[in-house]
N, C-alpha and C. Protein backbone atom coordinates (compact mmCIF):
# COMPACT_ATOMS: atom_id res chain seq x y z
N UNK A 1 67.14 82.38 33.65
CA UNK A 1 66.48 82.84 32.46
C UNK A 1 66.25 84.35 32.53
N UNK A 2 65.87 84.81 33.68
CA UNK A 2 65.64 86.24 33.86
C UNK A 2 66.92 87.02 33.65
N UNK A 3 68.02 86.44 34.15
CA UNK A 3 69.31 87.15 34.03
C UNK A 3 69.71 87.28 32.56
N UNK A 4 69.55 86.19 31.81
CA UNK A 4 69.93 86.25 30.40
C UNK A 4 69.09 87.28 29.66
N UNK A 5 67.81 87.27 29.95
CA UNK A 5 66.91 88.21 29.29
C UNK A 5 67.29 89.64 29.66
N UNK A 6 67.60 89.82 30.92
CA UNK A 6 68.00 91.16 31.38
C UNK A 6 69.31 91.60 30.73
N UNK A 7 70.24 90.66 30.66
CA UNK A 7 71.55 90.98 30.07
C UNK A 7 71.38 91.37 28.60
N UNK A 8 70.55 90.57 27.88
CA UNK A 8 70.32 90.88 26.47
C UNK A 8 69.63 92.24 26.33
N UNK A 9 68.67 92.49 27.18
CA UNK A 9 67.95 93.76 27.11
C UNK A 9 68.90 94.92 27.36
N UNK A 10 69.74 94.79 28.35
CA UNK A 10 70.69 95.86 28.68
C UNK A 10 71.70 96.05 27.53
N UNK A 11 72.14 94.93 26.94
CA UNK A 11 73.10 95.04 25.85
C UNK A 11 72.48 95.78 24.66
N UNK A 12 71.24 95.41 24.33
CA UNK A 12 70.58 96.09 23.21
C UNK A 12 70.35 97.56 23.51
N UNK A 13 69.98 97.85 24.73
CA UNK A 13 69.75 99.23 25.11
C UNK A 13 71.05 100.04 25.02
N UNK A 14 72.13 99.46 25.54
CA UNK A 14 73.43 100.15 25.46
C UNK A 14 73.87 100.35 24.00
N UNK A 15 73.62 99.33 23.19
CA UNK A 15 73.98 99.44 21.78
C UNK A 15 73.17 100.56 21.12
N UNK A 16 71.88 100.61 21.43
CA UNK A 16 71.03 101.65 20.85
C UNK A 16 71.47 103.03 21.32
N UNK A 17 71.81 103.14 22.61
CA UNK A 17 72.27 104.43 23.12
C UNK A 17 73.59 104.85 22.49
N UNK A 18 74.49 103.88 22.34
CA UNK A 18 75.80 104.21 21.74
C UNK A 18 75.64 104.67 20.29
N UNK A 19 74.73 104.07 19.57
CA UNK A 19 74.55 104.45 18.18
C UNK A 19 73.84 105.81 18.04
N UNK A 20 73.00 106.15 19.01
CA UNK A 20 72.26 107.41 18.95
C UNK A 20 73.00 108.56 19.62
N UNK A 21 73.95 108.32 20.44
CA UNK A 21 74.64 109.34 21.23
C UNK A 21 75.59 110.12 20.33
N UNK A 22 75.62 111.44 20.43
CA UNK A 22 76.56 112.21 19.59
C UNK A 22 77.98 112.01 20.10
N UNK A 23 78.91 111.96 19.19
CA UNK A 23 80.29 111.73 19.60
C UNK A 23 80.86 112.97 20.26
N UNK A 24 81.75 112.75 21.20
CA UNK A 24 82.37 113.85 21.94
C UNK A 24 83.51 114.41 21.09
N UNK A 25 83.65 115.71 21.12
CA UNK A 25 84.76 116.34 20.42
C UNK A 25 84.39 116.81 19.02
N UNK A 26 83.15 116.77 18.69
CA UNK A 26 82.73 117.25 17.37
C UNK A 26 82.85 118.76 17.30
N UNK A 27 83.02 119.29 16.11
CA UNK A 27 83.21 120.72 15.95
C UNK A 27 81.92 121.50 16.04
N UNK A 28 80.88 121.00 15.50
CA UNK A 28 79.65 121.77 15.52
C UNK A 28 78.73 121.22 16.61
N UNK A 29 77.87 122.11 17.06
CA UNK A 29 76.96 121.72 18.13
C UNK A 29 75.89 120.80 17.58
N UNK A 30 75.46 120.98 16.39
CA UNK A 30 74.45 120.11 15.82
C UNK A 30 75.08 119.31 14.70
N UNK A 31 75.16 118.04 14.95
CA UNK A 31 75.75 117.17 13.93
C UNK A 31 74.65 116.30 13.37
N UNK A 32 74.81 115.92 12.22
CA UNK A 32 73.86 115.02 11.60
C UNK A 32 74.52 113.67 11.44
N UNK A 33 73.71 112.67 11.67
CA UNK A 33 74.21 111.30 11.54
C UNK A 33 73.49 110.64 10.39
N UNK A 34 74.22 109.82 9.77
CA UNK A 34 73.61 109.06 8.70
C UNK A 34 73.57 107.61 9.14
N UNK A 35 72.44 107.01 8.88
CA UNK A 35 72.27 105.62 9.25
C UNK A 35 71.60 104.93 8.07
N UNK A 36 72.04 103.74 7.81
CA UNK A 36 71.46 103.02 6.68
C UNK A 36 70.10 102.46 7.09
N UNK A 37 69.35 102.11 6.07
CA UNK A 37 68.00 101.57 6.34
C UNK A 37 68.09 100.25 7.08
N UNK A 38 69.08 99.44 6.78
CA UNK A 38 69.26 98.16 7.47
C UNK A 38 69.57 98.38 8.96
N UNK A 39 70.44 99.34 9.23
CA UNK A 39 70.76 99.64 10.63
C UNK A 39 69.55 100.17 11.37
N UNK A 40 68.76 101.05 10.68
CA UNK A 40 67.54 101.58 11.29
C UNK A 40 66.54 100.46 11.56
N UNK A 41 66.40 99.58 10.60
CA UNK A 41 65.48 98.45 10.78
C UNK A 41 65.96 97.56 11.93
N UNK A 42 67.26 97.32 12.01
CA UNK A 42 67.80 96.50 13.09
C UNK A 42 67.56 97.18 14.43
N UNK A 43 67.78 98.48 14.53
CA UNK A 43 67.53 99.22 15.76
C UNK A 43 66.05 99.14 16.15
N UNK A 44 65.17 99.29 15.18
CA UNK A 44 63.74 99.19 15.45
C UNK A 44 63.37 97.79 15.93
N UNK A 45 63.97 96.77 15.34
CA UNK A 45 63.71 95.39 15.78
C UNK A 45 64.19 95.19 17.21
N UNK A 46 65.38 95.73 17.50
CA UNK A 46 65.91 95.62 18.86
C UNK A 46 65.01 96.36 19.85
N UNK A 47 64.55 97.54 19.44
CA UNK A 47 63.66 98.31 20.30
C UNK A 47 62.34 97.56 20.52
N UNK A 48 61.82 96.97 19.48
CA UNK A 48 60.59 96.18 19.61
C UNK A 48 60.83 94.98 20.53
N UNK A 49 61.95 94.31 20.35
CA UNK A 49 62.26 93.15 21.21
C UNK A 49 62.41 93.59 22.66
N UNK A 50 63.08 94.74 22.85
CA UNK A 50 63.24 95.26 24.22
C UNK A 50 61.88 95.61 24.83
N UNK A 51 61.00 96.20 24.06
CA UNK A 51 59.67 96.54 24.56
C UNK A 51 58.89 95.27 24.90
N UNK A 52 58.99 94.26 24.06
CA UNK A 52 58.30 92.99 24.34
C UNK A 52 58.86 92.35 25.62
N UNK A 53 60.20 92.36 25.72
CA UNK A 53 60.83 91.81 26.93
C UNK A 53 60.39 92.58 28.17
N UNK A 54 60.32 93.90 28.04
CA UNK A 54 59.91 94.75 29.15
C UNK A 54 58.46 94.44 29.55
N UNK A 55 57.58 94.31 28.54
CA UNK A 55 56.18 93.97 28.82
C UNK A 55 56.06 92.60 29.49
N UNK A 56 56.81 91.66 28.98
CA UNK A 56 56.78 90.31 29.58
C UNK A 56 57.29 90.33 31.02
N UNK A 57 58.37 91.08 31.23
CA UNK A 57 58.92 91.20 32.59
C UNK A 57 57.93 91.89 33.52
N UNK A 58 57.24 92.90 33.03
CA UNK A 58 56.22 93.57 33.85
C UNK A 58 55.09 92.61 34.20
N UNK A 59 54.66 91.82 33.21
CA UNK A 59 53.60 90.83 33.46
C UNK A 59 54.05 89.81 34.50
N UNK A 60 55.27 89.31 34.34
CA UNK A 60 55.80 88.35 35.31
C UNK A 60 55.95 88.97 36.69
N UNK A 61 56.34 90.23 36.72
CA UNK A 61 56.47 90.95 37.99
C UNK A 61 55.11 91.07 38.68
N UNK A 62 54.08 91.40 37.90
CA UNK A 62 52.73 91.51 38.47
C UNK A 62 52.26 90.15 39.00
N UNK A 63 52.50 89.09 38.22
CA UNK A 63 52.13 87.74 38.68
C UNK A 63 52.88 87.38 39.95
N UNK A 64 54.17 87.70 39.97
CA UNK A 64 54.97 87.41 41.15
C UNK A 64 54.47 88.20 42.35
N UNK A 65 54.06 89.44 42.10
CA UNK A 65 53.51 90.26 43.18
C UNK A 65 52.25 89.64 43.76
N UNK A 66 51.38 89.15 42.88
CA UNK A 66 50.15 88.50 43.34
C UNK A 66 50.47 87.23 44.12
N UNK A 67 51.42 86.46 43.59
CA UNK A 67 51.81 85.23 44.30
C UNK A 67 52.43 85.56 45.65
N UNK A 68 53.23 86.62 45.67
CA UNK A 68 53.85 87.03 46.93
C UNK A 68 52.80 87.47 47.93
N UNK A 69 51.80 88.21 47.47
CA UNK A 69 50.71 88.64 48.36
C UNK A 69 49.96 87.43 48.89
N UNK A 70 49.66 86.49 48.02
CA UNK A 70 48.96 85.26 48.45
C UNK A 70 49.81 84.48 49.44
N UNK A 71 51.09 84.34 49.14
CA UNK A 71 51.98 83.61 50.05
C UNK A 71 52.11 84.32 51.39
N UNK A 72 52.17 85.64 51.36
CA UNK A 72 52.27 86.41 52.60
C UNK A 72 51.02 86.22 53.45
N UNK A 73 49.87 86.26 52.80
CA UNK A 73 48.61 86.05 53.52
C UNK A 73 48.58 84.65 54.13
N UNK A 74 48.98 83.67 53.34
CA UNK A 74 49.01 82.29 53.84
C UNK A 74 49.99 82.16 54.99
N UNK A 75 51.12 82.84 54.89
CA UNK A 75 52.11 82.79 55.97
C UNK A 75 51.56 83.41 57.24
N UNK A 76 50.89 84.54 57.11
CA UNK A 76 50.30 85.19 58.29
C UNK A 76 49.25 84.28 58.91
N UNK A 77 48.41 83.66 58.09
CA UNK A 77 47.40 82.73 58.60
C UNK A 77 48.06 81.55 59.29
N UNK A 78 49.12 81.04 58.69
CA UNK A 78 49.84 79.91 59.28
C UNK A 78 50.44 80.29 60.63
N UNK A 79 51.03 81.47 60.69
CA UNK A 79 51.61 81.93 61.95
C UNK A 79 50.54 82.09 63.02
N UNK A 80 49.39 82.63 62.62
CA UNK A 80 48.28 82.78 63.56
C UNK A 80 47.82 81.40 64.06
N UNK A 81 47.69 80.48 63.13
CA UNK A 81 47.26 79.12 63.50
C UNK A 81 48.29 78.46 64.40
N UNK A 82 49.56 78.65 64.08
CA UNK A 82 50.62 78.08 64.92
C UNK A 82 50.57 78.67 66.31
N UNK A 83 50.33 79.97 66.39
CA UNK A 83 50.23 80.63 67.70
C UNK A 83 49.06 80.06 68.50
N UNK A 84 47.91 79.89 67.83
CA UNK A 84 46.75 79.31 68.51
C UNK A 84 47.04 77.89 68.97
N UNK A 85 47.67 77.10 68.09
CA UNK A 85 47.99 75.72 68.45
C UNK A 85 49.00 75.66 69.59
N UNK A 86 49.94 76.60 69.58
CA UNK A 86 50.94 76.64 70.64
C UNK A 86 50.27 76.95 71.98
N UNK A 87 49.35 77.93 71.97
CA UNK A 87 48.62 78.26 73.20
C UNK A 87 47.79 77.06 73.67
N UNK A 88 47.14 76.40 72.73
CA UNK A 88 46.33 75.22 73.08
C UNK A 88 47.22 74.11 73.64
N UNK A 89 48.38 73.93 73.04
CA UNK A 89 49.31 72.92 73.53
C UNK A 89 49.76 73.24 74.94
N UNK A 90 50.05 74.51 75.20
CA UNK A 90 50.46 74.90 76.56
C UNK A 90 49.34 74.64 77.56
N UNK A 91 48.09 74.96 77.17
CA UNK A 91 46.96 74.69 78.06
C UNK A 91 46.81 73.20 78.30
N UNK A 92 46.96 72.42 77.24
CA UNK A 92 46.85 70.96 77.39
C UNK A 92 47.97 70.41 78.26
N UNK A 93 49.15 70.97 78.13
CA UNK A 93 50.26 70.53 78.98
C UNK A 93 49.96 70.85 80.44
N UNK A 94 49.40 72.04 80.68
CA UNK A 94 49.04 72.40 82.05
C UNK A 94 47.96 71.46 82.58
N UNK A 95 46.96 71.18 81.75
CA UNK A 95 45.91 70.26 82.17
C UNK A 95 46.47 68.87 82.43
N UNK A 96 47.40 68.45 81.57
CA UNK A 96 48.03 67.14 81.75
C UNK A 96 48.80 67.10 83.07
N UNK A 97 49.52 68.18 83.36
CA UNK A 97 50.26 68.24 84.62
C UNK A 97 49.31 68.20 85.80
N UNK A 98 48.19 68.94 85.71
CA UNK A 98 47.22 68.95 86.79
C UNK A 98 46.59 67.57 86.96
N UNK A 99 46.24 66.94 85.83
CA UNK A 99 45.65 65.60 85.90
C UNK A 99 46.65 64.58 86.43
N UNK A 100 47.90 64.74 86.04
CA UNK A 100 48.95 63.85 86.54
C UNK A 100 49.09 64.00 88.05
N UNK A 101 49.06 65.25 88.52
CA UNK A 101 49.15 65.50 89.96
C UNK A 101 47.92 64.93 90.68
N UNK A 102 46.74 65.12 90.07
CA UNK A 102 45.52 64.56 90.66
C UNK A 102 45.59 63.04 90.72
N UNK A 103 46.11 62.44 89.67
CA UNK A 103 46.25 60.98 89.64
C UNK A 103 47.23 60.51 90.71
N UNK A 104 48.32 61.24 90.88
CA UNK A 104 49.29 60.87 91.91
C UNK A 104 48.65 60.96 93.29
N UNK A 105 47.89 62.05 93.51
CA UNK A 105 47.22 62.21 94.80
C UNK A 105 46.20 61.09 95.00
N UNK A 106 45.42 60.78 93.95
CA UNK A 106 44.42 59.72 94.04
C UNK A 106 45.09 58.37 94.33
N UNK A 107 46.23 58.11 93.69
CA UNK A 107 46.95 56.86 93.95
C UNK A 107 47.43 56.81 95.40
N UNK A 108 47.93 57.94 95.89
CA UNK A 108 48.37 57.98 97.29
C UNK A 108 47.19 57.73 98.23
N UNK A 109 46.06 58.37 97.93
CA UNK A 109 44.88 58.18 98.76
C UNK A 109 44.38 56.74 98.68
N UNK A 110 44.43 56.15 97.49
CA UNK A 110 44.03 54.75 97.33
C UNK A 110 44.96 53.84 98.12
N UNK A 111 46.25 54.12 98.06
CA UNK A 111 47.22 53.32 98.83
C UNK A 111 46.92 53.47 100.33
N UNK A 112 46.65 54.71 100.77
CA UNK A 112 46.31 54.92 102.18
C UNK A 112 45.02 54.20 102.54
N UNK A 113 44.04 54.21 101.62
CA UNK A 113 42.78 53.50 101.86
C UNK A 113 43.02 52.00 101.97
N UNK A 114 43.89 51.45 101.13
CA UNK A 114 44.23 50.02 101.20
C UNK A 114 44.85 49.68 102.55
N UNK A 115 45.79 50.52 102.95
CA UNK A 115 46.45 50.28 104.24
C UNK A 115 45.42 50.37 105.37
N UNK A 116 44.57 51.39 105.30
CA UNK A 116 43.54 51.56 106.33
C UNK A 116 42.57 50.38 106.31
N UNK A 117 42.19 49.91 105.13
CA UNK A 117 41.27 48.77 105.02
C UNK A 117 41.92 47.52 105.60
N UNK A 118 43.19 47.29 105.30
CA UNK A 118 43.88 46.11 105.86
C UNK A 118 43.94 46.20 107.38
N UNK A 119 44.26 47.40 107.88
CA UNK A 119 44.29 47.57 109.34
C UNK A 119 42.90 47.36 109.92
N UNK A 120 41.87 47.86 109.23
CA UNK A 120 40.50 47.68 109.69
C UNK A 120 40.12 46.20 109.68
N UNK A 121 40.55 45.48 108.65
CA UNK A 121 40.28 44.03 108.60
C UNK A 121 40.97 43.32 109.75
N UNK A 122 42.22 43.69 110.01
CA UNK A 122 42.93 43.07 111.13
C UNK A 122 42.21 43.36 112.45
N UNK A 123 41.78 44.62 112.62
CA UNK A 123 41.05 45.00 113.84
C UNK A 123 39.74 44.23 113.92
N UNK A 124 39.05 44.10 112.80
CA UNK A 124 37.79 43.37 112.76
C UNK A 124 38.02 41.90 113.11
N UNK A 125 39.07 41.30 112.53
CA UNK A 125 39.38 39.90 112.85
C UNK A 125 39.70 39.75 114.34
N UNK A 126 40.44 40.69 114.88
CA UNK A 126 40.79 40.64 116.29
C UNK A 126 39.53 40.75 117.15
N UNK A 127 38.62 41.69 116.81
CA UNK A 127 37.37 41.86 117.57
C UNK A 127 36.50 40.61 117.43
N UNK A 128 36.41 40.06 116.21
CA UNK A 128 35.63 38.83 116.00
C UNK A 128 36.19 37.69 116.84
N UNK A 129 37.51 37.58 116.86
CA UNK A 129 38.15 36.52 117.67
C UNK A 129 37.83 36.70 119.15
N UNK A 130 37.90 37.92 119.62
CA UNK A 130 37.59 38.20 121.02
C UNK A 130 36.12 37.88 121.32
N UNK A 131 35.21 38.30 120.41
CA UNK A 131 33.78 38.01 120.62
C UNK A 131 33.51 36.50 120.57
N UNK A 132 34.18 35.80 119.69
CA UNK A 132 34.03 34.34 119.61
C UNK A 132 34.49 33.70 120.90
N UNK A 133 35.64 34.19 121.39
CA UNK A 133 36.14 33.66 122.66
C UNK A 133 35.16 33.93 123.80
N UNK A 134 34.61 35.16 123.81
CA UNK A 134 33.63 35.50 124.85
C UNK A 134 32.39 34.61 124.72
N UNK A 135 31.91 34.39 123.51
CA UNK A 135 30.76 33.53 123.29
C UNK A 135 31.04 32.13 123.76
N UNK A 136 32.25 31.63 123.40
CA UNK A 136 32.61 30.27 123.82
C UNK A 136 32.67 30.18 125.35
N UNK A 137 33.23 31.23 125.97
CA UNK A 137 33.31 31.23 127.44
C UNK A 137 31.90 31.23 128.02
N UNK A 138 31.03 32.07 127.46
CA UNK A 138 29.65 32.12 127.96
C UNK A 138 28.94 30.78 127.72
N UNK A 139 29.20 30.14 126.59
CA UNK A 139 28.61 28.83 126.34
C UNK A 139 29.09 27.82 127.38
N UNK A 140 30.38 27.88 127.67
CA UNK A 140 30.93 26.95 128.67
C UNK A 140 30.30 27.25 130.03
N UNK A 141 30.19 28.54 130.35
CA UNK A 141 29.57 28.91 131.64
C UNK A 141 28.12 28.44 131.66
N UNK A 142 27.37 28.60 130.55
CA UNK A 142 25.96 28.16 130.52
C UNK A 142 25.86 26.64 130.65
N UNK A 143 26.77 25.92 129.99
CA UNK A 143 26.78 24.46 130.08
C UNK A 143 27.07 24.05 131.53
N UNK A 144 28.03 24.73 132.16
CA UNK A 144 28.36 24.39 133.56
C UNK A 144 27.17 24.71 134.46
N UNK A 145 26.58 25.89 134.29
CA UNK A 145 25.44 26.26 135.11
C UNK A 145 24.28 25.29 134.84
N UNK A 146 24.02 24.92 133.59
CA UNK A 146 22.95 23.96 133.28
C UNK A 146 23.29 22.60 133.90
N UNK A 147 24.55 22.23 133.83
CA UNK A 147 24.98 20.93 134.40
C UNK A 147 24.79 20.95 135.91
N UNK A 148 25.11 22.05 136.56
CA UNK A 148 24.96 22.17 138.02
C UNK A 148 23.46 22.16 138.32
N UNK A 149 22.65 22.85 137.53
CA UNK A 149 21.22 22.90 137.80
C UNK A 149 20.61 21.52 137.59
N UNK A 150 21.05 20.78 136.64
CA UNK A 150 20.51 19.45 136.39
C UNK A 150 21.00 18.52 137.51
N UNK A 151 22.20 18.67 137.93
CA UNK A 151 22.76 17.81 138.96
C UNK A 151 22.07 18.04 140.30
N UNK A 152 21.49 19.07 140.58
CA UNK A 152 20.86 19.32 141.86
C UNK A 152 19.52 18.75 141.79
């Protein structure tokens, strides 16, 4: 739409210039042109239309400029927000990596604690078995000594 309006405006302007321009090769330096009232009225109408088109285009240009300024501001804000979010994402990724490493270490320590606990249980069972055996031996020795003491 802008192109058509521009083309029409340029065509009318060129037509007006061609009609007002003195012809080349005239004999006298000052020539007079005659123009009919209809042609003058048509030129004035074209000039008025061109002025209206120019005013409308200026208004649209101003509106576009305001929209462009608003869009530019929004773009700058968006870029700033994206930059902040990107930095936050990088920090979160670092924290995630650190937490992942901590979790891996904790799992390894838990696994080592399980192994140590199982070994401790085995050692405890072995010590309990030995103490039970010692108690049983002492009970047998006490029974024998009591039996010998009663027999005498």
